[in-house]
Amino acid sequence: MNTQRTLSKNDRLILQSYGSVLEGLADFFGSSFEFVLHSLEDLDCAAIKVVNGYHSGRKEGAPITDFALQLLGEMQRSKDHRKGRIYFSRSKNGTPIRSATIPINGENGQIIGLLCINFYQDVPLYALIEELFQTPGTKADVLETFAANADELIEESISQARIQVEHDETISSTNRNKEIIAILYQKDIFNLKNAVPKVAERLGLSKNTVYLHLRNLQAESGTDEAGR
């Protein structure tokens, strides 16, 4: 089976878009993980993005591995060729590796590349824990809402903003709604559909009043977009 592909312009753009994904994954999981993005356009120099490649010595332009070729053939013959494979292997010096090879599909549904993740298990446990649990540049825990739908997200954001404003004694009662709207504006909540009418209803305001506050905020920040 011919595993090499002639890629379209859109296929190449799809693969290129994964470059930032690899960098983000490396930042999140740490230096114990190696990430390699393969393009099937040229198997002799398939690696088009390598992060933490010092583990294997691979760099961009490296060929696809023999086992990745084998997995690719299995994926292409499989009924579900979108499903990746997880397996264990060892490096040249015997280091145990837990790996994942994930297919990337192009505009025609064919596999155009592979995303490979390798966890080198010889890393000291304390170093792995330190990297996984530290968040560089973050001084406090971030409050993030995992809502089931947009309406729930809007409702929860309003509640959080209201609590924040009510606990701020420097904000007068007459300015509380304005400050709540400002907090929601800073969080880009008004980019969500129907945010304006829902905020207006919860705060007991008219939609026009909410839009007025938004226009003033946009003027202060120098933006021209109208809130939804």
N, C-alpha and C. Protein backbone atom coordinates (compact mmCIF):
# COMPACT_ATOMS: atom_id res chain seq x y z
N MET A 1 0.84 -1.20 0.00
CA MET A 1 0.00 0.00 0.00
C MET A 1 0.88 1.24 0.00
N ASN A 2 0.57 2.18 -0.89
CA ASN A 2 1.36 3.40 -0.99
C ASN A 2 0.94 4.37 0.10
N THR A 3 1.86 4.65 1.04
CA THR A 3 1.53 5.51 2.16
C THR A 3 1.91 6.96 1.91
N GLN A 4 2.74 7.20 0.89
CA GLN A 4 3.12 8.58 0.58
C GLN A 4 1.97 9.27 -0.11
N ARG A 5 1.80 10.57 0.16
CA ARG A 5 0.65 11.31 -0.33
C ARG A 5 1.08 12.53 -1.13
N THR A 6 0.26 12.88 -2.12
CA THR A 6 0.39 14.18 -2.77
C THR A 6 -0.59 15.10 -2.07
N LEU A 7 -0.07 16.07 -1.34
CA LEU A 7 -0.91 16.93 -0.52
C LEU A 7 -1.36 18.17 -1.27
N SER A 8 -2.58 18.59 -0.98
CA SER A 8 -3.10 19.83 -1.55
C SER A 8 -2.63 21.01 -0.69
N LYS A 9 -2.90 22.21 -1.16
CA LYS A 9 -2.55 23.40 -0.39
C LYS A 9 -3.26 23.40 0.95
N ASN A 10 -4.54 23.00 0.96
CA ASN A 10 -5.30 22.95 2.21
C ASN A 10 -4.75 21.89 3.16
N ASP A 11 -4.30 20.76 2.60
CA ASP A 11 -3.69 19.72 3.43
C ASP A 11 -2.46 20.25 4.14
N ARG A 12 -1.64 20.98 3.42
CA ARG A 12 -0.42 21.53 4.01
C ARG A 12 -0.76 22.55 5.10
N LEU A 13 -1.81 23.34 4.86
CA LEU A 13 -2.23 24.32 5.87
C LEU A 13 -2.75 23.62 7.13
N ILE A 14 -3.45 22.50 6.93
CA ILE A 14 -3.93 21.72 8.08
C ILE A 14 -2.75 21.25 8.92
N LEU A 15 -1.74 20.70 8.25
CA LEU A 15 -0.57 20.21 8.98
C LEU A 15 0.17 21.35 9.67
N GLN A 16 0.32 22.47 8.98
CA GLN A 16 1.02 23.62 9.57
C GLN A 16 0.31 24.12 10.82
N SER A 17 -1.01 24.01 10.83
CA SER A 17 -1.78 24.51 11.98
C SER A 17 -1.50 23.70 13.24
N TYR A 18 -0.97 22.49 13.08
CA TYR A 18 -0.65 21.65 14.23
C TYR A 18 0.65 22.06 14.91
N GLY A 19 1.43 22.92 14.27
CA GLY A 19 2.70 23.34 14.85
C GLY A 19 2.53 23.98 16.22
N SER A 20 1.58 24.91 16.33
CA SER A 20 1.34 25.56 17.61
C SER A 20 0.74 24.60 18.62
N VAL A 21 0.01 23.58 18.13
CA VAL A 21 -0.54 22.56 19.03
C VAL A 21 0.59 21.80 19.71
N LEU A 22 1.61 21.42 18.96
CA LEU A 22 2.75 20.71 19.53
C LEU A 22 3.45 21.56 20.58
N GLU A 23 3.64 22.84 20.29
CA GLU A 23 4.32 23.71 21.24
C GLU A 23 3.49 23.87 22.51
N GLY A 24 2.17 23.99 22.34
CA GLY A 24 1.30 24.10 23.50
C GLY A 24 1.30 22.85 24.36
N LEU A 25 1.28 21.69 23.70
CA LEU A 25 1.33 20.42 24.44
C LEU A 25 2.64 20.28 25.20
N ALA A 26 3.74 20.70 24.57
CA ALA A 26 5.05 20.61 25.23
C ALA A 26 5.10 21.54 26.44
N ASP A 27 4.53 22.73 26.32
CA ASP A 27 4.49 23.65 27.46
C ASP A 27 3.67 23.06 28.60
N PHE A 28 2.59 22.35 28.24
CA PHE A 28 1.69 21.82 29.26
C PHE A 28 2.28 20.59 29.95
N PHE A 29 2.81 19.64 29.18
CA PHE A 29 3.26 18.38 29.75
C PHE A 29 4.71 18.42 30.22
N GLY A 30 5.53 19.29 29.63
CA GLY A 30 6.91 19.41 30.10
C GLY A 30 7.92 18.70 29.22
N SER A 31 9.16 18.77 29.63
CA SER A 31 10.28 18.34 28.81
C SER A 31 10.45 16.82 28.73
N SER A 32 9.68 16.07 29.51
CA SER A 32 9.77 14.60 29.46
C SER A 32 9.08 14.04 28.23
N PHE A 33 8.33 14.87 27.53
CA PHE A 33 7.55 14.44 26.38
C PHE A 33 8.14 15.00 25.09
N GLU A 34 8.28 14.14 24.12
CA GLU A 34 8.73 14.53 22.79
C GLU A 34 7.53 14.51 21.84
N PHE A 35 7.42 15.54 21.01
CA PHE A 35 6.31 15.66 20.08
C PHE A 35 6.87 15.80 18.66
N VAL A 36 6.37 14.96 17.76
CA VAL A 36 6.84 14.99 16.37
C VAL A 36 5.63 15.01 15.44
N LEU A 37 5.65 15.95 14.51
CA LEU A 37 4.60 16.05 13.49
C LEU A 37 5.17 15.57 12.17
N HIS A 38 4.55 14.52 11.61
CA HIS A 38 5.00 13.95 10.34
C HIS A 38 4.04 14.33 9.21
N SER A 39 4.60 14.68 8.08
CA SER A 39 3.84 14.84 6.85
C SER A 39 4.10 13.62 5.96
N LEU A 40 3.05 13.14 5.32
CA LEU A 40 3.20 11.97 4.46
C LEU A 40 3.55 12.35 3.02
N GLU A 41 3.85 13.62 2.80
CA GLU A 41 4.18 14.06 1.45
C GLU A 41 5.54 13.55 1.01
N ASP A 42 6.46 13.45 1.95
CA ASP A 42 7.80 12.94 1.65
C ASP A 42 8.28 12.16 2.86
N LEU A 43 8.21 10.84 2.79
CA LEU A 43 8.52 9.99 3.94
C LEU A 43 10.00 10.04 4.32
N ASP A 44 10.85 10.40 3.35
CA ASP A 44 12.29 10.46 3.63
C ASP A 44 12.65 11.63 4.56
N CYS A 45 11.84 12.65 4.58
CA CYS A 45 12.05 13.79 5.49
C CYS A 45 10.69 14.21 6.05
N ALA A 46 10.01 13.25 6.67
CA ALA A 46 8.62 13.43 7.06
C ALA A 46 8.43 14.38 8.24
N ALA A 47 9.39 14.47 9.14
CA ALA A 47 9.23 15.29 10.35
C ALA A 47 9.27 16.77 9.99
N ILE A 48 8.13 17.43 10.11
CA ILE A 48 8.08 18.86 9.77
C ILE A 48 8.04 19.74 11.03
N LYS A 49 7.87 19.11 12.19
CA LYS A 49 7.91 19.84 13.46
C LYS A 49 8.34 18.88 14.55
N VAL A 50 9.37 19.26 15.31
CA VAL A 50 9.86 18.42 16.41
C VAL A 50 10.05 19.31 17.63
N VAL A 51 9.44 18.89 18.75
CA VAL A 51 9.61 19.62 20.01
C VAL A 51 10.20 18.66 21.04
N ASN A 52 11.22 19.10 21.73
CA ASN A 52 11.97 18.26 22.69
C ASN A 52 12.61 17.06 21.99
N GLY A 53 13.11 17.30 20.81
CA GLY A 53 13.71 16.23 20.02
C GLY A 53 15.05 15.75 20.53
N TYR A 54 15.58 16.39 21.57
CA TYR A 54 16.88 15.95 22.10
C TYR A 54 16.80 14.55 22.70
N HIS A 55 15.59 14.09 23.03
CA HIS A 55 15.44 12.73 23.57
C HIS A 55 15.89 11.69 22.54
N SER A 56 15.44 11.87 21.30
CA SER A 56 15.74 10.88 20.25
C SER A 56 16.82 11.36 19.29
N GLY A 57 17.16 12.65 19.38
CA GLY A 57 18.13 13.22 18.46
C GLY A 57 17.51 13.64 17.13
N ARG A 58 16.18 13.54 17.04
CA ARG A 58 15.53 13.90 15.77
C ARG A 58 15.33 15.41 15.65
N LYS A 59 15.40 15.85 14.40
CA LYS A 59 15.15 17.25 14.07
C LYS A 59 14.21 17.30 12.88
N GLU A 60 13.77 18.49 12.57
CA GLU A 60 12.92 18.64 11.39
C GLU A 60 13.68 18.16 10.16
N GLY A 61 13.01 17.38 9.33
CA GLY A 61 13.64 16.78 8.17
C GLY A 61 14.02 15.33 8.38
N ALA A 62 13.82 14.83 9.60
CA ALA A 62 14.12 13.41 9.87
C ALA A 62 13.09 12.53 9.18
N PRO A 63 13.46 11.30 8.82
CA PRO A 63 12.51 10.39 8.16
C PRO A 63 11.48 9.84 9.14
N ILE A 64 10.42 9.32 8.60
CA ILE A 64 9.43 8.64 9.42
C ILE A 64 10.05 7.36 9.97
N THR A 65 9.61 6.89 11.14
CA THR A 65 10.18 5.66 11.71
C THR A 65 9.57 4.43 11.05
N ASP A 66 10.27 3.31 11.19
CA ASP A 66 9.76 2.07 10.61
C ASP A 66 8.44 1.64 11.26
N PHE A 67 8.36 1.80 12.60
CA PHE A 67 7.13 1.37 13.27
C PHE A 67 5.97 2.31 12.94
N ALA A 68 6.26 3.59 12.75
CA ALA A 68 5.20 4.52 12.35
C ALA A 68 4.66 4.14 10.97
N LEU A 69 5.55 3.69 10.10
CA LEU A 69 5.11 3.21 8.78
C LEU A 69 4.20 2.00 8.92
N GLN A 70 4.57 1.10 9.83
CA GLN A 70 3.75 -0.09 10.05
C GLN A 70 2.37 0.30 10.59
N LEU A 71 2.36 1.21 11.57
CA LEU A 71 1.09 1.67 12.14
C LEU A 71 0.23 2.37 11.10
N LEU A 72 0.89 3.15 10.25
CA LEU A 72 0.18 3.87 9.21
C LEU A 72 -0.54 2.90 8.28
N GLY A 73 0.15 1.82 7.90
CA GLY A 73 -0.48 0.82 7.06
C GLY A 73 -1.68 0.19 7.74
N GLU A 74 -1.55 -0.09 9.04
CA GLU A 74 -2.66 -0.67 9.79
C GLU A 74 -3.84 0.30 9.86
N MET A 75 -3.54 1.58 10.07
CA MET A 75 -4.60 2.58 10.14
C MET A 75 -5.36 2.68 8.82
N GLN A 76 -4.60 2.67 7.72
CA GLN A 76 -5.23 2.82 6.42
C GLN A 76 -6.09 1.62 6.06
N ARG A 77 -5.72 0.43 6.57
CA ARG A 77 -6.51 -0.77 6.30
C ARG A 77 -7.69 -0.91 7.26
N SER A 78 -7.64 -0.16 8.35
CA SER A 78 -8.67 -0.26 9.36
C SER A 78 -9.94 0.44 8.91
N LYS A 79 -11.08 -0.03 9.43
CA LYS A 79 -12.36 0.63 9.14
C LYS A 79 -12.42 2.01 9.79
N ASP A 80 -11.76 2.12 10.94
CA ASP A 80 -11.73 3.40 11.65
C ASP A 80 -10.31 3.95 11.58
N HIS A 81 -9.96 4.57 10.44
CA HIS A 81 -8.59 5.04 10.25
C HIS A 81 -8.32 6.38 10.94
N ARG A 82 -9.31 6.87 11.68
CA ARG A 82 -9.11 8.10 12.42
C ARG A 82 -8.60 7.84 13.84
N LYS A 83 -8.59 6.58 14.24
CA LYS A 83 -8.20 6.23 15.60
C LYS A 83 -6.69 6.02 15.69
N GLY A 84 -6.09 6.60 16.73
CA GLY A 84 -4.65 6.46 16.92
C GLY A 84 -4.28 5.18 17.63
N ARG A 85 -2.98 5.02 17.87
CA ARG A 85 -2.46 3.83 18.54
C ARG A 85 -1.58 4.26 19.72
N ILE A 86 -1.70 3.52 20.82
CA ILE A 86 -0.86 3.75 22.00
C ILE A 86 -0.06 2.48 22.25
N TYR A 87 1.24 2.63 22.49
CA TYR A 87 2.11 1.46 22.62
C TYR A 87 3.35 1.80 23.44
N PHE A 88 4.09 0.77 23.81
CA PHE A 88 5.33 0.93 24.56
C PHE A 88 6.52 0.51 23.69
N SER A 89 7.62 1.22 23.84
CA SER A 89 8.84 0.88 23.10
C SER A 89 10.04 1.28 23.94
N ARG A 90 11.22 1.19 23.36
CA ARG A 90 12.44 1.60 24.05
C ARG A 90 13.32 2.40 23.10
N SER A 91 14.06 3.34 23.67
CA SER A 91 14.98 4.14 22.88
C SER A 91 16.24 3.32 22.58
N LYS A 92 17.17 3.90 21.84
CA LYS A 92 18.42 3.22 21.51
C LYS A 92 19.21 2.81 22.74
N ASN A 93 19.13 3.64 23.80
CA ASN A 93 19.88 3.33 25.02
C ASN A 93 19.05 2.56 26.04
N GLY A 94 17.86 2.09 25.63
CA GLY A 94 17.06 1.24 26.50
C GLY A 94 16.03 1.95 27.35
N THR A 95 15.89 3.26 27.19
CA THR A 95 14.90 4.00 27.98
C THR A 95 13.48 3.58 27.59
N PRO A 96 12.64 3.20 28.56
CA PRO A 96 11.25 2.84 28.24
C PRO A 96 10.46 4.08 27.80
N ILE A 97 9.65 3.90 26.77
CA ILE A 97 8.88 5.01 26.20
C ILE A 97 7.42 4.59 26.06
N ARG A 98 6.53 5.42 26.51
CA ARG A 98 5.10 5.23 26.23
C ARG A 98 4.75 6.20 25.11
N SER A 99 4.23 5.67 24.01
CA SER A 99 4.04 6.47 22.80
C SER A 99 2.60 6.45 22.31
N ALA A 100 2.26 7.49 21.58
CA ALA A 100 0.97 7.57 20.90
C ALA A 100 1.22 8.09 19.50
N THR A 101 0.62 7.44 18.52
CA THR A 101 0.67 7.90 17.13
C THR A 101 -0.76 8.15 16.68
N ILE A 102 -1.03 9.40 16.34
CA ILE A 102 -2.40 9.84 16.05
C ILE A 102 -2.47 10.31 14.60
N PRO A 103 -3.39 9.77 13.80
CA PRO A 103 -3.49 10.19 12.40
C PRO A 103 -4.11 11.57 12.26
N ILE A 104 -3.65 12.31 11.27
CA ILE A 104 -4.24 13.61 10.92
C ILE A 104 -4.85 13.48 9.54
N ASN A 105 -6.13 13.77 9.43
CA ASN A 105 -6.85 13.61 8.18
C ASN A 105 -6.96 14.93 7.43
N GLY A 106 -6.85 14.84 6.10
CA GLY A 106 -6.91 16.03 5.25
C GLY A 106 -8.31 16.32 4.75
N GLU A 107 -8.40 17.21 3.77
CA GLU A 107 -9.70 17.68 3.31
C GLU A 107 -10.51 16.59 2.62
N ASN A 108 -9.87 15.54 2.12
CA ASN A 108 -10.59 14.44 1.47
C ASN A 108 -10.77 13.23 2.38
N GLY A 109 -10.46 13.41 3.66
CA GLY A 109 -10.64 12.33 4.62
C GLY A 109 -9.49 11.34 4.67
N GLN A 110 -8.49 11.50 3.83
CA GLN A 110 -7.33 10.61 3.84
C GLN A 110 -6.32 11.06 4.89
N ILE A 111 -5.53 10.11 5.39
CA ILE A 111 -4.48 10.44 6.35
C ILE A 111 -3.37 11.19 5.63
N ILE A 112 -3.07 12.39 6.12
CA ILE A 112 -2.03 13.21 5.49
C ILE A 112 -0.82 13.39 6.40
N GLY A 113 -0.95 13.02 7.66
CA GLY A 113 0.17 13.19 8.58
C GLY A 113 -0.06 12.42 9.86
N LEU A 114 0.95 12.42 10.71
CA LEU A 114 0.89 11.72 12.00
C LEU A 114 1.39 12.64 13.10
N LEU A 115 0.69 12.65 14.20
CA LEU A 115 1.14 13.35 15.40
C LEU A 115 1.64 12.29 16.38
N CYS A 116 2.92 12.33 16.69
CA CYS A 116 3.53 11.32 17.55
C CYS A 116 3.94 11.94 18.88
N ILE A 117 3.56 11.27 19.97
CA ILE A 117 3.88 11.72 21.32
C ILE A 117 4.67 10.62 22.01
N ASN A 118 5.83 10.96 22.55
CA ASN A 118 6.68 9.98 23.23
C ASN A 118 7.01 10.46 24.64
N PHE A 119 6.62 9.67 25.62
CA PHE A 119 6.93 9.98 27.03
C PHE A 119 8.11 9.13 27.47
N TYR A 120 9.24 9.78 27.76
CA TYR A 120 10.45 9.09 28.17
C TYR A 120 10.41 8.86 29.68
N GLN A 121 10.28 7.60 30.07
CA GLN A 121 9.96 7.26 31.45
C GLN A 121 11.16 7.18 32.38
N ASP A 122 12.33 7.59 31.90
CA ASP A 122 13.50 7.60 32.78
C ASP A 122 13.62 8.91 33.55
N VAL A 123 12.70 9.83 33.33
CA VAL A 123 12.76 11.12 34.02
C VAL A 123 12.49 10.90 35.51
N PRO A 124 13.23 11.57 36.40
CA PRO A 124 12.95 11.46 37.84
C PRO A 124 11.52 11.91 38.16
N LEU A 125 10.87 11.19 39.06
CA LEU A 125 9.48 11.48 39.38
C LEU A 125 9.29 12.90 39.89
N TYR A 126 10.23 13.39 40.70
CA TYR A 126 10.09 14.73 41.26
C TYR A 126 10.12 15.79 40.15
N ALA A 127 10.95 15.54 39.10
CA ALA A 127 11.04 16.50 38.00
C ALA A 127 9.76 16.50 37.19
N LEU A 128 9.18 15.31 36.97
CA LEU A 128 7.93 15.21 36.23
C LEU A 128 6.81 15.92 36.98
N ILE A 129 6.71 15.68 38.29
CA ILE A 129 5.67 16.31 39.09
C ILE A 129 5.84 17.83 39.11
N GLU A 130 7.07 18.27 39.23
CA GLU A 130 7.34 19.71 39.29
C GLU A 130 6.89 20.40 38.01
N GLU A 131 7.16 19.78 36.87
CA GLU A 131 6.77 20.38 35.60
C GLU A 131 5.27 20.34 35.38
N LEU A 132 4.65 19.22 35.79
CA LEU A 132 3.21 19.07 35.57
C LEU A 132 2.39 20.01 36.43
N PHE A 133 2.88 20.32 37.63
CA PHE A 133 2.06 21.07 38.57
C PHE A 133 2.47 22.53 38.73
N GLN A 134 3.45 22.96 38.00
CA GLN A 134 3.78 24.38 38.05
C GLN A 134 3.20 25.08 36.82
N THR A 135 2.79 26.33 37.00
CA THR A 135 2.26 27.14 35.91
C THR A 135 3.04 28.43 35.84
N PRO A 136 4.09 28.49 35.02
CA PRO A 136 4.94 29.67 34.97
C PRO A 136 4.15 30.93 34.64
N GLY A 137 4.42 31.99 35.42
CA GLY A 137 3.80 33.28 35.12
C GLY A 137 2.42 33.46 35.73
N THR A 138 1.87 32.44 36.37
CA THR A 138 0.56 32.57 36.98
C THR A 138 0.71 32.69 38.49
N LYS A 139 0.22 33.80 39.05
CA LYS A 139 0.39 34.06 40.47
C LYS A 139 -0.76 33.51 41.31
N ALA A 140 -1.91 33.29 40.70
CA ALA A 140 -3.07 32.80 41.44
C ALA A 140 -3.86 31.83 40.58
N ASP A 141 -4.68 31.03 41.24
CA ASP A 141 -5.53 30.11 40.52
C ASP A 141 -6.51 30.87 39.64
N VAL A 142 -6.73 30.36 38.44
CA VAL A 142 -7.66 30.98 37.51
C VAL A 142 -9.04 30.38 37.73
N LEU A 143 -10.05 31.22 37.79
CA LEU A 143 -11.43 30.76 37.93
C LEU A 143 -12.00 30.56 36.53
N GLU A 144 -12.21 29.31 36.17
CA GLU A 144 -12.70 28.98 34.82
C GLU A 144 -14.02 28.24 34.93
N THR A 145 -14.99 28.66 34.10
CA THR A 145 -16.32 28.07 34.14
C THR A 145 -16.47 27.02 33.05
N PHE A 146 -16.76 25.79 33.44
CA PHE A 146 -16.98 24.71 32.49
C PHE A 146 -18.49 24.50 32.35
N ALA A 147 -19.08 25.28 31.47
CA ALA A 147 -20.53 25.28 31.32
C ALA A 147 -20.98 24.26 30.29
N ALA A 148 -22.23 23.80 30.44
CA ALA A 148 -22.79 22.83 29.50
C ALA A 148 -23.26 23.50 28.22
N ASN A 149 -23.56 24.80 28.29
CA ASN A 149 -24.01 25.54 27.11
C ASN A 149 -23.73 27.02 27.31
N ALA A 150 -23.97 27.81 26.25
CA ALA A 150 -23.65 29.24 26.30
C ALA A 150 -24.51 29.98 27.31
N ASP A 151 -25.78 29.60 27.42
CA ASP A 151 -26.66 30.28 28.38
C ASP A 151 -26.16 30.11 29.81
N GLU A 152 -25.73 28.89 30.13
CA GLU A 152 -25.20 28.64 31.47
C GLU A 152 -23.92 29.44 31.71
N LEU A 153 -23.08 29.56 30.68
CA LEU A 153 -21.85 30.34 30.80
C LEU A 153 -22.15 31.80 31.08
N ILE A 154 -23.13 32.35 30.37
CA ILE A 154 -23.51 33.75 30.58
C ILE A 154 -24.04 33.94 32.00
N GLU A 155 -24.93 33.05 32.43
CA GLU A 155 -25.53 33.15 33.76
C GLU A 155 -24.45 33.09 34.84
N GLU A 156 -23.52 32.15 34.72
CA GLU A 156 -22.48 32.00 35.72
C GLU A 156 -21.54 33.21 35.72
N SER A 157 -21.26 33.75 34.56
CA SER A 157 -20.39 34.93 34.46
C SER A 157 -21.04 36.14 35.11
N ILE A 158 -22.33 36.29 34.93
CA ILE A 158 -23.05 37.39 35.57
C ILE A 158 -22.99 37.23 37.09
N SER A 159 -23.22 36.01 37.58
CA SER A 159 -23.19 35.77 39.02
C SER A 159 -21.82 36.07 39.62
N GLN A 160 -20.77 35.65 38.94
CA GLN A 160 -19.41 35.91 39.42
C GLN A 160 -19.10 37.40 39.43
N ALA A 161 -19.51 38.09 38.36
CA ALA A 161 -19.27 39.54 38.28
C ALA A 161 -20.04 40.28 39.37
N ARG A 162 -21.26 39.82 39.63
CA ARG A 162 -22.09 40.47 40.66
C ARG A 162 -21.46 40.30 42.04
N ILE A 163 -20.97 39.10 42.34
CA ILE A 163 -20.31 38.87 43.63
C ILE A 163 -19.07 39.75 43.77
N GLN A 164 -18.30 39.83 42.68
CA GLN A 164 -17.08 40.65 42.70
C GLN A 164 -17.40 42.11 42.99
N VAL A 165 -18.44 42.62 42.35
CA VAL A 165 -18.82 44.03 42.51
C VAL A 165 -19.40 44.27 43.90
N GLU A 166 -20.24 43.38 44.38
CA GLU A 166 -20.88 43.56 45.69
C GLU A 166 -19.87 43.53 46.82
N HIS A 167 -18.73 42.87 46.62
CA HIS A 167 -17.71 42.81 47.67
C HIS A 167 -16.71 43.96 47.57
N ASP A 168 -16.90 44.81 46.60
CA ASP A 168 -16.02 45.97 46.43
C ASP A 168 -16.71 47.20 47.01
N GLU A 169 -16.29 47.61 48.20
CA GLU A 169 -16.94 48.71 48.89
C GLU A 169 -16.70 50.06 48.23
N THR A 170 -15.75 50.13 47.30
CA THR A 170 -15.48 51.40 46.62
C THR A 170 -16.48 51.69 45.51
N ILE A 171 -17.30 50.68 45.15
CA ILE A 171 -18.28 50.86 44.08
C ILE A 171 -19.63 51.20 44.69
N SER A 172 -20.18 52.33 44.31
CA SER A 172 -21.47 52.75 44.84
C SER A 172 -22.58 51.89 44.26
N SER A 173 -23.71 51.86 44.95
CA SER A 173 -24.85 51.05 44.50
C SER A 173 -25.36 51.49 43.13
N THR A 174 -25.23 52.77 42.83
CA THR A 174 -25.73 53.28 41.54
C THR A 174 -24.82 52.87 40.38
N ASN A 175 -23.59 52.49 40.67
CA ASN A 175 -22.64 52.13 39.61
C ASN A 175 -22.41 50.63 39.49
N ARG A 176 -23.12 49.84 40.28
CA ARG A 176 -22.85 48.41 40.29
C ARG A 176 -23.15 47.73 38.96
N ASN A 177 -24.29 48.05 38.38
CA ASN A 177 -24.64 47.43 37.09
C ASN A 177 -23.63 47.81 36.01
N LYS A 178 -23.20 49.06 36.05
CA LYS A 178 -22.20 49.51 35.07
C LYS A 178 -20.90 48.73 35.23
N GLU A 179 -20.49 48.49 36.48
CA GLU A 179 -19.26 47.75 36.74
C GLU A 179 -19.40 46.28 36.35
N ILE A 180 -20.58 45.71 36.59
CA ILE A 180 -20.81 44.32 36.19
C ILE A 180 -20.69 44.17 34.69
N ILE A 181 -21.28 45.10 33.96
CA ILE A 181 -21.20 45.08 32.50
C ILE A 181 -19.75 45.25 32.05
N ALA A 182 -19.00 46.10 32.75
CA ALA A 182 -17.58 46.31 32.40
C ALA A 182 -16.77 45.04 32.60
N ILE A 183 -17.05 44.31 33.68
CA ILE A 183 -16.34 43.05 33.94
C ILE A 183 -16.66 42.03 32.85
N LEU A 184 -17.93 41.93 32.49
CA LEU A 184 -18.34 40.99 31.45
C LEU A 184 -17.74 41.39 30.10
N TYR A 185 -17.63 42.68 29.86
CA TYR A 185 -17.04 43.18 28.62
C TYR A 185 -15.56 42.82 28.55
N GLN A 186 -14.86 42.96 29.67
CA GLN A 186 -13.43 42.63 29.71
C GLN A 186 -13.20 41.15 29.47
N LYS A 187 -14.17 40.32 29.86
CA LYS A 187 -14.06 38.88 29.65
C LYS A 187 -14.60 38.44 28.29
N ASP A 188 -15.02 39.41 27.46
CA ASP A 188 -15.55 39.12 26.11
C ASP A 188 -16.82 38.27 26.14
N ILE A 189 -17.57 38.35 27.23
CA ILE A 189 -18.82 37.59 27.31
C ILE A 189 -19.83 38.05 26.27
N PHE A 190 -19.74 39.31 25.86
CA PHE A 190 -20.71 39.84 24.90
C PHE A 190 -20.44 39.36 23.47
N ASN A 191 -19.38 38.56 23.30
CA ASN A 191 -19.18 37.90 22.00
C ASN A 191 -20.08 36.69 21.85
N LEU A 192 -20.71 36.27 22.96
CA LEU A 192 -21.62 35.14 22.92
C LEU A 192 -23.00 35.59 22.44
N LYS A 193 -23.65 34.75 21.68
CA LYS A 193 -24.96 35.06 21.15
C LYS A 193 -25.96 35.27 22.30
N ASN A 194 -26.78 36.30 22.16
CA ASN A 194 -27.84 36.62 23.13
C ASN A 194 -27.32 37.06 24.49
N ALA A 195 -26.05 37.43 24.58
CA ALA A 195 -25.51 37.87 25.86
C ALA A 195 -26.16 39.17 26.32
N VAL A 196 -26.36 40.10 25.39
CA VAL A 196 -26.93 41.41 25.77
C VAL A 196 -28.33 41.27 26.38
N PRO A 197 -29.29 40.61 25.71
CA PRO A 197 -30.62 40.49 26.33
C PRO A 197 -30.61 39.73 27.64
N LYS A 198 -29.75 38.74 27.78
CA LYS A 198 -29.72 37.97 29.02
C LYS A 198 -29.13 38.81 30.16
N VAL A 199 -28.10 39.58 29.87
CA VAL A 199 -27.52 40.46 30.89
C VAL A 199 -28.54 41.52 31.27
N ALA A 200 -29.21 42.08 30.29
CA ALA A 200 -30.21 43.11 30.57
C ALA A 200 -31.31 42.56 31.48
N GLU A 201 -31.77 41.34 31.18
CA GLU A 201 -32.83 40.73 31.99
C GLU A 201 -32.37 40.48 33.42
N ARG A 202 -31.17 39.95 33.58
CA ARG A 202 -30.68 39.63 34.92
C ARG A 202 -30.43 40.89 35.75
N LEU A 203 -30.02 41.96 35.11
CA LEU A 203 -29.71 43.20 35.84
C LEU A 203 -30.90 44.14 35.94
N GLY A 204 -32.01 43.77 35.32
CA GLY A 204 -33.19 44.62 35.37
C GLY A 204 -33.04 45.88 34.55
N LEU A 205 -32.30 45.78 33.44
CA LEU A 205 -32.06 46.93 32.57
C LEU A 205 -32.68 46.69 31.21
N SER A 206 -32.80 47.74 30.43
CA SER A 206 -33.22 47.58 29.04
C SER A 206 -32.00 47.22 28.19
N LYS A 207 -32.24 46.59 27.05
CA LYS A 207 -31.14 46.26 26.15
C LYS A 207 -30.43 47.52 25.70
N ASN A 208 -31.19 48.59 25.48
CA ASN A 208 -30.57 49.84 25.04
C ASN A 208 -29.60 50.38 26.08
N THR A 209 -29.92 50.20 27.35
CA THR A 209 -29.01 50.67 28.40
C THR A 209 -27.72 49.87 28.39
N VAL A 210 -27.84 48.55 28.20
CA VAL A 210 -26.64 47.72 28.12
C VAL A 210 -25.80 48.12 26.92
N TYR A 211 -26.45 48.34 25.77
CA TYR A 211 -25.72 48.77 24.57
C TYR A 211 -25.04 50.11 24.79
N LEU A 212 -25.68 51.00 25.54
CA LEU A 212 -25.08 52.30 25.82
C LEU A 212 -23.80 52.13 26.62
N HIS A 213 -23.86 51.29 27.65
CA HIS A 213 -22.64 51.04 28.44
C HIS A 213 -21.55 50.41 27.58
N LEU A 214 -21.93 49.51 26.69
CA LEU A 214 -20.95 48.86 25.81
C LEU A 214 -20.30 49.86 24.87
N ARG A 215 -21.10 50.74 24.32
CA ARG A 215 -20.53 51.76 23.42
C ARG A 215 -19.54 52.64 24.15
N ASN A 216 -19.86 52.99 25.39
CA ASN A 216 -18.94 53.81 26.18
C ASN A 216 -17.65 53.06 26.48
N LEU A 217 -17.77 51.76 26.79
CA LEU A 217 -16.59 50.94 27.05
C LEU A 217 -15.73 50.79 25.80
N GLN A 218 -16.41 50.61 24.66
CA GLN A 218 -15.68 50.48 23.39
C GLN A 218 -14.96 51.78 23.03
N ALA A 219 -15.60 52.89 23.33
CA ALA A 219 -14.97 54.18 23.05
C ALA A 219 -13.74 54.38 23.93
N GLU A 220 -13.85 53.94 25.18
CA GLU A 220 -12.72 54.07 26.11
C GLU A 220 -11.54 53.19 25.69
N SER A 221 -11.88 52.01 25.15
CA SER A 221 -10.81 51.07 24.75
C SER A 221 -10.37 51.27 23.30
N GLY A 222 -11.06 52.12 22.56
CA GLY A 222 -10.67 52.40 21.18
C GLY A 222 -11.11 51.36 20.19
N THR A 223 -12.12 50.52 20.52
CA THR A 223 -12.64 49.53 19.58
C THR A 223 -13.90 50.03 18.94
N ASP A 224 -14.21 49.46 17.79
CA ASP A 224 -15.37 49.91 17.01
C ASP A 224 -16.50 48.90 16.95
N GLU A 225 -16.23 47.65 17.41
CA GLU A 225 -17.26 46.63 17.28
C GLU A 225 -18.39 46.88 18.25
N ALA A 226 -19.62 46.67 17.80
CA ALA A 226 -20.79 46.79 18.67
C ALA A 226 -21.02 45.46 19.36
N GLY A 227 -21.44 45.52 20.62
CA GLY A 227 -21.73 44.29 21.34
C GLY A 227 -22.94 43.60 20.78
N ARG A 228 -22.98 42.30 20.88
CA ARG A 228 -24.11 41.55 20.35
C ARG A 228 -25.31 41.69 21.28
